[in-house]
PDB file of all heavy atoms in Angstrom:
ATOM      1  N   MET A   1      -4.982 -15.658  19.017  1.00  0.00           N
ATOM      2  CA  MET A   1      -4.375 -14.953  17.889  1.00  0.00           C
ATOM      3  C   MET A   1      -3.481 -13.836  18.415  1.00  0.00           C
ATOM      4  O   MET A   1      -3.920 -13.011  19.212  1.00  0.00           O
ATOM      5  CB  MET A   1      -5.445 -14.358  16.963  1.00  0.00           C
ATOM      6  CG  MET A   1      -6.292 -15.372  16.240  1.00  0.00           C
ATOM      7  SD  MET A   1      -7.416 -14.591  15.048  1.00  0.00           S
ATOM      8  CE  MET A   1      -6.250 -14.169  13.746  1.00  0.00           C
ATOM      9  N   SER A   2      -2.254 -13.804  17.965  1.00  0.00           N
ATOM     10  CA  SER A   2      -1.357 -12.712  18.328  1.00  0.00           C
ATOM     11  C   SER A   2      -1.639 -11.527  17.419  1.00  0.00           C
ATOM     12  O   SER A   2      -2.321 -11.642  16.392  1.00  0.00           O
ATOM     13  CB  SER A   2       0.098 -13.147  18.166  1.00  0.00           C
ATOM     14  OG  SER A   2       0.390 -13.355  16.793  1.00  0.00           O
ATOM     15  N   ALA A   3      -1.101 -10.372  17.794  1.00  0.00           N
ATOM     16  CA  ALA A   3      -1.273  -9.186  16.957  1.00  0.00           C
ATOM     17  C   ALA A   3      -0.694  -9.430  15.571  1.00  0.00           C
ATOM     18  O   ALA A   3      -1.242  -8.986  14.561  1.00  0.00           O
ATOM     19  CB  ALA A   3      -0.605  -7.982  17.622  1.00  0.00           C
ATOM     20  N   GLU A   4       0.432 -10.156  15.518  1.00  0.00           N
ATOM     21  CA  GLU A   4       1.055 -10.443  14.229  1.00  0.00           C
ATOM     22  C   GLU A   4       0.167 -11.335  13.364  1.00  0.00           C
ATOM     23  O   GLU A   4       0.072 -11.156  12.151  1.00  0.00           O
ATOM     24  CB  GLU A   4       2.412 -11.115  14.446  1.00  0.00           C
ATOM     25  CG  GLU A   4       3.472 -10.201  15.061  1.00  0.00           C
ATOM     26  CD  GLU A   4       3.268  -9.979  16.553  1.00  0.00           C
ATOM     27  OE1 GLU A   4       2.472 -10.732  17.171  1.00  0.00           O
ATOM     28  OE2 GLU A   4       3.881  -9.060  17.103  1.00  0.00           O
ATOM     29  N   GLN A   5      -0.472 -12.322  13.999  1.00  0.00           N
ATOM     30  CA  GLN A   5      -1.365 -13.213  13.251  1.00  0.00           C
ATOM     31  C   GLN A   5      -2.576 -12.451  12.718  1.00  0.00           C
ATOM     32  O   GLN A   5      -3.003 -12.651  11.577  1.00  0.00           O
ATOM     33  CB  GLN A   5      -1.812 -14.366  14.148  1.00  0.00           C
ATOM     34  CG  GLN A   5      -0.713 -15.376  14.436  1.00  0.00           C
ATOM     35  CD  GLN A   5      -1.148 -16.413  15.445  1.00  0.00           C
ATOM     36  OE1 GLN A   5      -1.793 -16.090  16.440  1.00  0.00           O
ATOM     37  NE2 GLN A   5      -0.798 -17.660  15.194  1.00  0.00           N
ATOM     38  N   VAL A   6      -3.138 -11.587  13.557  1.00  0.00           N
ATOM     39  CA  VAL A   6      -4.276 -10.776  13.118  1.00  0.00           C
ATOM     40  C   VAL A   6      -3.867  -9.914  11.930  1.00  0.00           C
ATOM     41  O   VAL A   6      -4.569  -9.829  10.917  1.00  0.00           O
ATOM     42  CB  VAL A   6      -4.793  -9.899  14.276  1.00  0.00           C
ATOM     43  CG1 VAL A   6      -5.829  -8.900  13.769  1.00  0.00           C
ATOM     44  CG2 VAL A   6      -5.387 -10.768  15.374  1.00  0.00           C
ATOM     45  N   GLN A   7      -2.724  -9.269  12.072  1.00  0.00           N
ATOM     46  CA  GLN A   7      -2.233  -8.411  11.001  1.00  0.00           C
ATOM     47  C   GLN A   7      -2.027  -9.209   9.712  1.00  0.00           C
ATOM     48  O   GLN A   7      -2.359  -8.744   8.617  1.00  0.00           O
ATOM     49  CB  GLN A   7      -0.920  -7.760  11.433  1.00  0.00           C
ATOM     50  CG  GLN A   7      -0.308  -6.814  10.403  1.00  0.00           C
ATOM     51  CD  GLN A   7      -1.096  -5.537  10.259  1.00  0.00           C
ATOM     52  OE1 GLN A   7      -1.871  -5.193  11.140  1.00  0.00           O
ATOM     53  NE2 GLN A   7      -0.916  -4.857   9.140  1.00  0.00           N
ATOM     54  N   ALA A   8      -1.503 -10.425   9.846  1.00  0.00           N
ATOM     55  CA  ALA A   8      -1.264 -11.256   8.669  1.00  0.00           C
ATOM     56  C   ALA A   8      -2.569 -11.615   7.975  1.00  0.00           C
ATOM     57  O   ALA A   8      -2.651 -11.618   6.740  1.00  0.00           O
ATOM     58  CB  ALA A   8      -0.504 -12.521   9.076  1.00  0.00           C
ATOM     59  N   VAL A   9      -3.599 -11.929   8.762  1.00  0.00           N
ATOM     60  CA  VAL A   9      -4.894 -12.273   8.179  1.00  0.00           C
ATOM     61  C   VAL A   9      -5.456 -11.086   7.410  1.00  0.00           C
ATOM     62  O   VAL A   9      -5.946 -11.212   6.281  1.00  0.00           O
ATOM     63  CB  VAL A   9      -5.875 -12.708   9.292  1.00  0.00           C
ATOM     64  CG1 VAL A   9      -7.292 -12.814   8.745  1.00  0.00           C
ATOM     65  CG2 VAL A   9      -5.442 -14.056   9.869  1.00  0.00           C
ATOM     66  N   VAL A  10      -5.386  -9.907   8.023  1.00  0.00           N
ATOM     67  CA  VAL A  10      -5.923  -8.711   7.386  1.00  0.00           C
ATOM     68  C   VAL A  10      -5.165  -8.400   6.094  1.00  0.00           C
ATOM     69  O   VAL A  10      -5.769  -8.118   5.049  1.00  0.00           O
ATOM     70  CB  VAL A  10      -5.852  -7.512   8.359  1.00  0.00           C
ATOM     71  CG1 VAL A  10      -6.245  -6.217   7.644  1.00  0.00           C
ATOM     72  CG2 VAL A  10      -6.764  -7.738   9.551  1.00  0.00           C
ATOM     73  N   GLU A  11      -3.843  -8.474   6.145  1.00  0.00           N
ATOM     74  CA  GLU A  11      -3.058  -8.151   4.962  1.00  0.00           C
ATOM     75  C   GLU A  11      -3.254  -9.181   3.858  1.00  0.00           C
ATOM     76  O   GLU A  11      -3.213  -8.842   2.673  1.00  0.00           O
ATOM     77  CB  GLU A  11      -1.569  -8.045   5.328  1.00  0.00           C
ATOM     78  CG  GLU A  11      -1.250  -6.870   6.244  1.00  0.00           C
ATOM     79  CD  GLU A  11      -1.765  -5.550   5.706  1.00  0.00           C
ATOM     80  OE1 GLU A  11      -1.711  -5.337   4.471  1.00  0.00           O
ATOM     81  OE2 GLU A  11      -2.257  -4.733   6.515  1.00  0.00           O
ATOM     82  N   ARG A  12      -3.477 -10.437   4.234  1.00  0.00           N
ATOM     83  CA  ARG A  12      -3.729 -11.472   3.224  1.00  0.00           C
ATOM     84  C   ARG A  12      -5.033 -11.183   2.481  1.00  0.00           C
ATOM     85  O   ARG A  12      -5.110 -11.294   1.249  1.00  0.00           O
ATOM     86  CB  ARG A  12      -3.802 -12.840   3.891  1.00  0.00           C
ATOM     87  CG  ARG A  12      -4.015 -13.987   2.903  1.00  0.00           C
ATOM     88  CD  ARG A  12      -2.799 -14.185   2.009  1.00  0.00           C
ATOM     89  NE  ARG A  12      -2.992 -15.242   1.050  1.00  0.00           N
ATOM     90  CZ  ARG A  12      -2.809 -16.541   1.303  1.00  0.00           C
ATOM     91  NH1 ARG A  12      -2.427 -16.919   2.511  1.00  0.00           N
ATOM     92  NH2 ARG A  12      -2.994 -17.437   0.373  1.00  0.00           N
ATOM     93  N   LEU A  13      -6.057 -10.781   3.229  1.00  0.00           N
ATOM     94  CA  LEU A  13      -7.324 -10.443   2.590  1.00  0.00           C
ATOM     95  C   LEU A  13      -7.156  -9.213   1.702  1.00  0.00           C
ATOM     96  O   LEU A  13      -7.674  -9.167   0.584  1.00  0.00           O
ATOM     97  CB  LEU A  13      -8.399 -10.191   3.649  1.00  0.00           C
ATOM     98  CG  LEU A  13      -9.773  -9.743   3.105  1.00  0.00           C
ATOM     99  CD1 LEU A  13     -10.335 -10.783   2.145  1.00  0.00           C
ATOM    100  CD2 LEU A  13     -10.752  -9.498   4.241  1.00  0.00           C
ATOM    101  N   ALA A  14      -6.426  -8.205   2.193  1.00  0.00           N
ATOM    102  CA  ALA A  14      -6.202  -7.002   1.393  1.00  0.00           C
ATOM    103  C   ALA A  14      -5.502  -7.342   0.088  1.00  0.00           C
ATOM    104  O   ALA A  14      -5.834  -6.808  -0.985  1.00  0.00           O
ATOM    105  CB  ALA A  14      -5.382  -5.994   2.200  1.00  0.00           C
ATOM    106  N   GLU A  15      -4.537  -8.237   0.155  1.00  0.00           N
ATOM    107  CA  GLU A  15      -3.798  -8.654  -1.041  1.00  0.00           C
ATOM    108  C   GLU A  15      -4.725  -9.345  -2.038  1.00  0.00           C
ATOM    109  O   GLU A  15      -4.674  -9.077  -3.252  1.00  0.00           O
ATOM    110  CB  GLU A  15      -2.668  -9.599  -0.645  1.00  0.00           C
ATOM    111  CG  GLU A  15      -1.847 -10.116  -1.819  1.00  0.00           C
ATOM    112  CD  GLU A  15      -0.794 -11.126  -1.389  1.00  0.00           C
ATOM    113  OE1 GLU A  15      -0.559 -11.248  -0.170  1.00  0.00           O
ATOM    114  OE2 GLU A  15      -0.226 -11.798  -2.270  1.00  0.00           O
ATOM    115  N   LYS A  16      -5.581 -10.225  -1.542  1.00  0.00           N
ATOM    116  CA  LYS A  16      -6.489 -10.938  -2.435  1.00  0.00           C
ATOM    117  C   LYS A  16      -7.485  -9.981  -3.085  1.00  0.00           C
ATOM    118  O   LYS A  16      -7.868 -10.159  -4.246  1.00  0.00           O
ATOM    119  CB  LYS A  16      -7.228 -12.028  -1.664  1.00  0.00           C
ATOM    120  CG  LYS A  16      -6.339 -13.209  -1.300  1.00  0.00           C
ATOM    121  CD  LYS A  16      -5.775 -13.843  -2.562  1.00  0.00           C
ATOM    122  CE  LYS A  16      -4.778 -14.941  -2.226  1.00  0.00           C
ATOM    123  NZ  LYS A  16      -4.193 -15.516  -3.460  1.00  0.00           N
ATOM    124  N   LEU A  17      -7.903  -8.969  -2.335  1.00  0.00           N
ATOM    125  CA  LEU A  17      -8.855  -8.018  -2.898  1.00  0.00           C
ATOM    126  C   LEU A  17      -8.196  -7.121  -3.934  1.00  0.00           C
ATOM    127  O   LEU A  17      -8.863  -6.640  -4.860  1.00  0.00           O
ATOM    128  CB  LEU A  17      -9.480  -7.176  -1.782  1.00  0.00           C
ATOM    129  CG  LEU A  17     -10.487  -7.944  -0.920  1.00  0.00           C
ATOM    130  CD1 LEU A  17     -10.881  -7.129   0.300  1.00  0.00           C
ATOM    131  CD2 LEU A  17     -11.723  -8.316  -1.723  1.00  0.00           C
ATOM    132  N   ARG A  18      -6.918  -6.888  -3.805  1.00  0.00           N
ATOM    133  CA  ARG A  18      -6.219  -6.154  -4.860  1.00  0.00           C
ATOM    134  C   ARG A  18      -6.165  -6.977  -6.144  1.00  0.00           C
ATOM    135  O   ARG A  18      -6.216  -6.429  -7.251  1.00  0.00           O
ATOM    136  CB  ARG A  18      -4.805  -5.787  -4.384  1.00  0.00           C
ATOM    137  CG  ARG A  18      -4.770  -4.638  -3.382  1.00  0.00           C
ATOM    138  CD  ARG A  18      -3.345  -4.132  -3.166  1.00  0.00           C
ATOM    139  NE  ARG A  18      -2.514  -5.095  -2.447  1.00  0.00           N
ATOM    140  CZ  ARG A  18      -2.408  -5.135  -1.120  1.00  0.00           C
ATOM    141  NH1 ARG A  18      -3.085  -4.248  -0.371  1.00  0.00           N
ATOM    142  NH2 ARG A  18      -1.620  -6.026  -0.528  1.00  0.00           N
ATOM    143  N   GLU A  19      -6.058  -8.296  -5.980  1.00  0.00           N
ATOM    144  CA  GLU A  19      -6.028  -9.174  -7.152  1.00  0.00           C
ATOM    145  C   GLU A  19      -7.417  -9.379  -7.743  1.00  0.00           C
ATOM    146  O   GLU A  19      -7.573  -9.465  -8.963  1.00  0.00           O
ATOM    147  CB  GLU A  19      -5.441 -10.533  -6.753  1.00  0.00           C
ATOM    148  CG  GLU A  19      -3.987 -10.476  -6.294  1.00  0.00           C
ATOM    149  CD  GLU A  19      -3.521 -11.810  -5.751  1.00  0.00           C
ATOM    150  OE1 GLU A  19      -4.345 -12.755  -5.706  1.00  0.00           O
ATOM    151  OE2 GLU A  19      -2.338 -11.926  -5.362  1.00  0.00           O
ATOM    152  N   ARG A  20      -8.430  -9.456  -6.853  1.00  0.00           N
ATOM    153  CA  ARG A  20      -9.809  -9.702  -7.301  1.00  0.00           C
ATOM    154  C   ARG A  20     -10.722  -8.705  -6.592  1.00  0.00           C
ATOM    155  O   ARG A  20     -11.374  -9.021  -5.597  1.00  0.00           O
ATOM    156  CB  ARG A  20     -10.218 -11.131  -6.983  1.00  0.00           C
ATOM    157  CG  ARG A  20      -9.331 -12.187  -7.636  1.00  0.00           C
ATOM    158  CD  ARG A  20      -9.796 -13.590  -7.299  1.00  0.00           C
ATOM    159  NE  ARG A  20     -11.144 -13.830  -7.766  1.00  0.00           N
ATOM    160  CZ  ARG A  20     -11.836 -14.962  -7.554  1.00  0.00           C
ATOM    161  NH1 ARG A  20     -11.268 -15.943  -6.881  1.00  0.00           N
ATOM    162  NH2 ARG A  20     -13.047 -15.105  -8.003  1.00  0.00           N
ATOM    163  N   PRO A  21     -10.788  -7.471  -7.102  1.00  0.00           N
ATOM    164  CA  PRO A  21     -11.487  -6.411  -6.369  1.00  0.00           C
ATOM    165  C   PRO A  21     -13.011  -6.480  -6.417  1.00  0.00           C
ATOM    166  O   PRO A  21     -13.664  -5.809  -5.617  1.00  0.00           O
ATOM    167  CB  PRO A  21     -10.986  -5.137  -7.050  1.00  0.00           C
ATOM    168  CG  PRO A  21     -10.621  -5.574  -8.437  1.00  0.00           C
ATOM    169  CD  PRO A  21     -10.107  -6.964  -8.306  1.00  0.00           C
ATOM    170  N   ASP A  22     -13.588  -7.260  -7.318  1.00  0.00           N
ATOM    171  CA  ASP A  22     -15.043  -7.292  -7.454  1.00  0.00           C
ATOM    172  C   ASP A  22     -15.671  -8.243  -6.434  1.00  0.00           C
ATOM    173  O   ASP A  22     -16.318  -9.241  -6.786  1.00  0.00           O
ATOM    174  CB  ASP A  22     -15.441  -7.698  -8.877  1.00  0.00           C
ATOM    175  CG  ASP A  22     -15.046  -6.645  -9.887  1.00  0.00           C
ATOM    176  OD1 ASP A  22     -15.077  -5.455  -9.536  1.00  0.00           O
ATOM    177  OD2 ASP A  22     -14.695  -7.012 -11.028  1.00  0.00           O
ATOM    178  N   ASP A  23     -15.486  -7.925  -5.176  1.00  0.00           N
ATOM    179  CA  ASP A  23     -15.973  -8.786  -4.095  1.00  0.00           C
ATOM    180  C   ASP A  23     -16.465  -7.900  -2.944  1.00  0.00           C
ATOM    181  O   ASP A  23     -15.715  -7.609  -2.015  1.00  0.00           O
ATOM    182  CB  ASP A  23     -14.853  -9.701  -3.621  1.00  0.00           C
ATOM    183  CG  ASP A  23     -15.313 -10.661  -2.522  1.00  0.00           C
ATOM    184  OD1 ASP A  23     -16.493 -10.605  -2.135  1.00  0.00           O
ATOM    185  OD2 ASP A  23     -14.477 -11.456  -2.049  1.00  0.00           O
ATOM    186  N   PRO A  24     -17.722  -7.444  -2.992  1.00  0.00           N
ATOM    187  CA  PRO A  24     -18.213  -6.536  -1.948  1.00  0.00           C
ATOM    188  C   PRO A  24     -18.172  -7.142  -0.557  1.00  0.00           C
ATOM    189  O   PRO A  24     -17.893  -6.444   0.423  1.00  0.00           O
ATOM    190  CB  PRO A  24     -19.653  -6.225  -2.385  1.00  0.00           C
ATOM    191  CG  PRO A  24     -20.019  -7.317  -3.339  1.00  0.00           C
ATOM    192  CD  PRO A  24     -18.757  -7.709  -4.004  1.00  0.00           C
ATOM    193  N   GLU A  25     -18.419  -8.459  -0.455  1.00  0.00           N
ATOM    194  CA  GLU A  25     -18.383  -9.084   0.872  1.00  0.00           C
ATOM    195  C   GLU A  25     -16.971  -9.044   1.454  1.00  0.00           C
ATOM    196  O   GLU A  25     -16.772  -8.807   2.654  1.00  0.00           O
ATOM    197  CB  GLU A  25     -18.880 -10.532   0.785  1.00  0.00           C
ATOM    198  CG  GLU A  25     -20.355 -10.672   0.465  1.00  0.00           C
ATOM    199  CD  GLU A  25     -21.241 -10.058   1.525  1.00  0.00           C
ATOM    200  OE1 GLU A  25     -20.896 -10.170   2.713  1.00  0.00           O
ATOM    201  OE2 GLU A  25     -22.276  -9.470   1.163  1.00  0.00           O
ATOM    202  N   GLY A  26     -15.970  -9.276   0.594  1.00  0.00           N
ATOM    203  CA  GLY A  26     -14.594  -9.206   1.061  1.00  0.00           C
ATOM    204  C   GLY A  26     -14.216  -7.801   1.501  1.00  0.00           C
ATOM    205  O   GLY A  26     -13.567  -7.608   2.536  1.00  0.00           O
ATOM    206  N   TRP A  27     -14.632  -6.785   0.707  1.00  0.00           N
ATOM    207  CA  TRP A  27     -14.341  -5.403   1.076  1.00  0.00           C
ATOM    208  C   TRP A  27     -15.020  -5.028   2.391  1.00  0.00           C
ATOM    209  O   TRP A  27     -14.439  -4.301   3.224  1.00  0.00           O
ATOM    210  CB  TRP A  27     -14.780  -4.450  -0.032  1.00  0.00           C
ATOM    211  CG  TRP A  27     -13.880  -4.415  -1.226  1.00  0.00           C
ATOM    212  CD1 TRP A  27     -14.173  -4.819  -2.498  1.00  0.00           C
ATOM    213  CD2 TRP A  27     -12.531  -3.930  -1.278  1.00  0.00           C
ATOM    214  NE1 TRP A  27     -13.103  -4.631  -3.333  1.00  0.00           N
ATOM    215  CE2 TRP A  27     -12.071  -4.078  -2.605  1.00  0.00           C
ATOM    216  CE3 TRP A  27     -11.659  -3.394  -0.319  1.00  0.00           C
ATOM    217  CZ2 TRP A  27     -10.799  -3.709  -3.007  1.00  0.00           C
ATOM    218  CZ3 TRP A  27     -10.384  -3.014  -0.721  1.00  0.00           C
ATOM    219  CH2 TRP A  27      -9.963  -3.164  -2.036  1.00  0.00           C
TER     220      TRP A  27
END
């Protein structure tokens, strides 16, 4: 995994949690 790929994974999860915040495991 490159730094860019890691960053993309993290930001994708952050985006999904903004859409569906009621997910303690995701947070």
